[in-house]
Amino acid sequence: MPYTHISHVPGHSLGDYQAVADVLGPEPPAGRLALIVGEADGALHIVDVWDSKAHADFFAAERLAPAFRQAGLKPGPEESYLEFDTSVLELGATTE
């Protein structure tokens, strides 16, 4: 079942996101179905949709945490997350 992880990161910017993305490189992580990133009201917002929670957990532990360290960034004290199994997932345009 698809799994969605939403991060709300006050005090971080698109520049911070790009610094971590540069460390990760251009190859998308295994199991990620969609990525949405934006900045609003002084916070970075990231929505990841994965094939499974296991894919998300593996990426976070094995790739994302080391990339944050390498980029010299760490989560802020007000960072929050929303996670849930995804019941409906529609990507892209439909054809008739």
C-alpha atoms as a PDB file:
ATOM      1  CA  MET A   1       0.000   0.000   0.000  1.00  0.00           C
ATOM      2  CA  PRO A   2       1.388   3.466  -0.828  1.00  0.00           C
ATOM      3  CA  TYR A   3       2.616   5.520   2.091  1.00  0.00           C
ATOM      4  CA  THR A   4       2.714   9.315   2.392  1.00  0.00           C
ATOM      5  CA  HIS A   5       5.129  11.358   4.538  1.00  0.00           C
ATOM      6  CA  ILE A   6       4.662  15.127   4.896  1.00  0.00           C
ATOM      7  CA  SER A   7       7.356  17.271   6.523  1.00  0.00           C
ATOM      8  CA  HIS A   8       6.783  20.807   7.855  1.00  0.00           C
ATOM      9  CA  VAL A   9      10.183  22.384   8.525  1.00  0.00           C
ATOM     10  CA  PRO A  10      10.106  25.939   9.940  1.00  0.00           C
ATOM     11  CA  GLY A  11      13.308  27.896   9.452  1.00  0.00           C
ATOM     12  CA  HIS A  12      14.483  25.836   6.478  1.00  0.00           C
ATOM     13  CA  SER A  13      14.365  27.042   2.889  1.00  0.00           C
ATOM     14  CA  LEU A  14      14.439  25.780  -0.666  1.00  0.00           C
ATOM     15  CA  GLY A  15      18.178  26.485  -0.526  1.00  0.00           C
ATOM     16  CA  ASP A  16      18.516  24.021   2.360  1.00  0.00           C
ATOM     17  CA  TYR A  17      16.492  21.476   0.415  1.00  0.00           C
ATOM     18  CA  GLN A  18      18.749  21.948  -2.610  1.00  0.00           C
ATOM     19  CA  ALA A  19      21.898  21.509  -0.505  1.00  0.00           C
ATOM     20  CA  VAL A  20      20.657  18.085   0.641  1.00  0.00           C
ATOM     21  CA  ALA A  21      19.415  17.199  -2.859  1.00  0.00           C
ATOM     22  CA  ASP A  22      22.866  18.003  -4.264  1.00  0.00           C
ATOM     23  CA  VAL A  23      24.435  15.522  -1.827  1.00  0.00           C
ATOM     24  CA  LEU A  24      21.836  12.867  -2.710  1.00  0.00           C
ATOM     25  CA  GLY A  25      22.402  13.267  -6.445  1.00  0.00           C
ATOM     26  CA  PRO A  26      19.928  13.128  -9.335  1.00  0.00           C
ATOM     27  CA  GLU A  27      18.953   9.434  -9.109  1.00  0.00           C
ATOM     28  CA  PRO A  28      15.494   9.128  -7.483  1.00  0.00           C
ATOM     29  CA  PRO A  29      15.383   6.820  -4.472  1.00  0.00           C
ATOM     30  CA  ALA A  30      13.951   3.346  -4.873  1.00  0.00           C
ATOM     31  CA  GLY A  31      10.263   3.216  -4.089  1.00  0.00           C
ATOM     32  CA  ARG A  32       9.474   6.938  -4.250  1.00  0.00           C
ATOM     33  CA  LEU A  33       6.375   7.566  -6.369  1.00  0.00           C
ATOM     34  CA  ALA A  34       6.075  11.345  -6.007  1.00  0.00           C
ATOM     35  CA  LEU A  35       7.855  14.320  -4.476  1.00  0.00           C
ATOM     36  CA  ILE A  36       6.386  17.793  -3.897  1.00  0.00           C
ATOM     37  CA  VAL A  37       8.492  20.555  -2.332  1.00  0.00           C
ATOM     38  CA  GLY A  38       7.565  24.156  -1.583  1.00  0.00           C
ATOM     39  CA  GLU A  39       8.244  27.011   0.770  1.00  0.00           C
ATOM     40  CA  ALA A  40       5.575  29.093   2.514  1.00  0.00           C
ATOM     41  CA  ASP A  41       5.390  31.276   5.615  1.00  0.00           C
ATOM     42  CA  GLY A  42       9.045  30.732   6.540  1.00  0.00           C
ATOM     43  CA  ALA A  43       8.843  26.952   6.386  1.00  0.00           C
ATOM     44  CA  LEU A  44       9.804  24.235   3.956  1.00  0.00           C
ATOM     45  CA  HIS A  45       7.062  21.720   3.106  1.00  0.00           C
ATOM     46  CA  ILE A  46       7.903  18.319   1.610  1.00  0.00           C
ATOM     47  CA  VAL A  47       5.411  15.671   0.525  1.00  0.00           C
ATOM     48  CA  ASP A  48       6.821  12.251  -0.364  1.00  0.00           C
ATOM     49  CA  VAL A  49       4.692   9.366  -1.600  1.00  0.00           C
ATOM     50  CA  TRP A  50       6.331   5.941  -1.431  1.00  0.00           C
ATOM     51  CA  ASP A  51       5.553   2.400  -2.526  1.00  0.00           C
ATOM     52  CA  SER A  52       5.680   1.468   1.166  1.00  0.00           C
ATOM     53  CA  LYS A  53       6.690   2.691   4.617  1.00  0.00           C
ATOM     54  CA  ALA A  54       9.680   0.336   4.402  1.00  0.00           C
ATOM     55  CA  HIS A  55      10.982   2.255   1.352  1.00  0.00           C
ATOM     56  CA  ALA A  56      10.570   5.572   3.187  1.00  0.00           C
ATOM     57  CA  ASP A  57      12.261   4.291   6.353  1.00  0.00           C
ATOM     58  CA  PHE A  58      15.195   2.836   4.409  1.00  0.00           C
ATOM     59  CA  PHE A  59      15.726   6.090   2.497  1.00  0.00           C
ATOM     60  CA  ALA A  60      15.536   8.187   5.679  1.00  0.00           C
ATOM     61  CA  ALA A  61      18.031   6.033   7.571  1.00  0.00           C
ATOM     62  CA  GLU A  62      20.469   5.053   4.850  1.00  0.00           C
ATOM     63  CA  ARG A  63      20.530   8.091   2.557  1.00  0.00           C
ATOM     64  CA  LEU A  64      18.709  11.132   3.938  1.00  0.00           C
ATOM     65  CA  ALA A  65      20.220  11.323   7.427  1.00  0.00           C
ATOM     66  CA  PRO A  66      23.808  11.021   6.098  1.00  0.00           C
ATOM     67  CA  ALA A  67      23.035  13.629   3.391  1.00  0.00           C
ATOM     68  CA  PHE A  68      21.783  16.076   6.037  1.00  0.00           C
ATOM     69  CA  ARG A  69      24.992  15.601   8.015  1.00  0.00           C
ATOM     70  CA  GLN A  70      27.144  16.045   4.912  1.00  0.00           C
ATOM     71  CA  ALA A  71      25.253  19.241   3.983  1.00  0.00           C
ATOM     72  CA  GLY A  72      25.752  20.555   7.544  1.00  0.00           C
ATOM     73  CA  LEU A  73      22.016  20.667   8.297  1.00  0.00           C
ATOM     74  CA  LYS A  74      19.878  19.179  11.041  1.00  0.00           C
ATOM     75  CA  PRO A  75      16.169  19.178  11.851  1.00  0.00           C
ATOM     76  CA  GLY A  76      14.868  22.159  13.779  1.00  0.00           C
ATOM     77  CA  PRO A  77      13.040  21.946  17.098  1.00  0.00           C
ATOM     78  CA  GLU A  78       9.677  22.862  15.540  1.00  0.00           C
ATOM     79  CA  GLU A  79       9.856  20.359  12.683  1.00  0.00           C
ATOM     80  CA  SER A  80       6.741  18.195  12.416  1.00  0.00           C
ATOM     81  CA  TYR A  81       5.578  15.258  10.341  1.00  0.00           C
ATOM     82  CA  LEU A  82       2.350  13.700   9.185  1.00  0.00           C
ATOM     83  CA  GLU A  83       2.455  10.098   7.990  1.00  0.00           C
ATOM     84  CA  PHE A  84      -0.295   7.835   6.711  1.00  0.00           C
ATOM     85  CA  ASP A  85      -1.114   4.881   4.493  1.00  0.00           C
ATOM     86  CA  THR A  86      -2.413   6.299   1.235  1.00  0.00           C
ATOM     87  CA  SER A  87      -5.915   5.165   0.286  1.00  0.00           C
ATOM     88  CA  VAL A  88      -6.158   7.026  -3.030  1.00  0.00           C
ATOM     89  CA  LEU A  89      -3.235   7.961  -5.270  1.00  0.00           C
ATOM     90  CA  GLU A  90      -3.779   9.579  -8.656  1.00  0.00           C
ATOM     91  CA  LEU A  91      -0.683  10.798 -10.500  1.00  0.00           C
ATOM     92  CA  GLY A  92      -0.633  12.559 -13.841  1.00  0.00           C
ATOM     93  CA  ALA A  93      -3.394  13.254 -16.296  1.00  0.00           C
ATOM     94  CA  THR A  94      -6.002  10.712 -17.252  1.00  0.00           C
ATOM     95  CA  THR A  95      -7.010   9.968 -20.821  1.00  0.00           C
ATOM     96  CA  GLU A  96     -10.464   9.154 -22.070  1.00  0.00           C
END
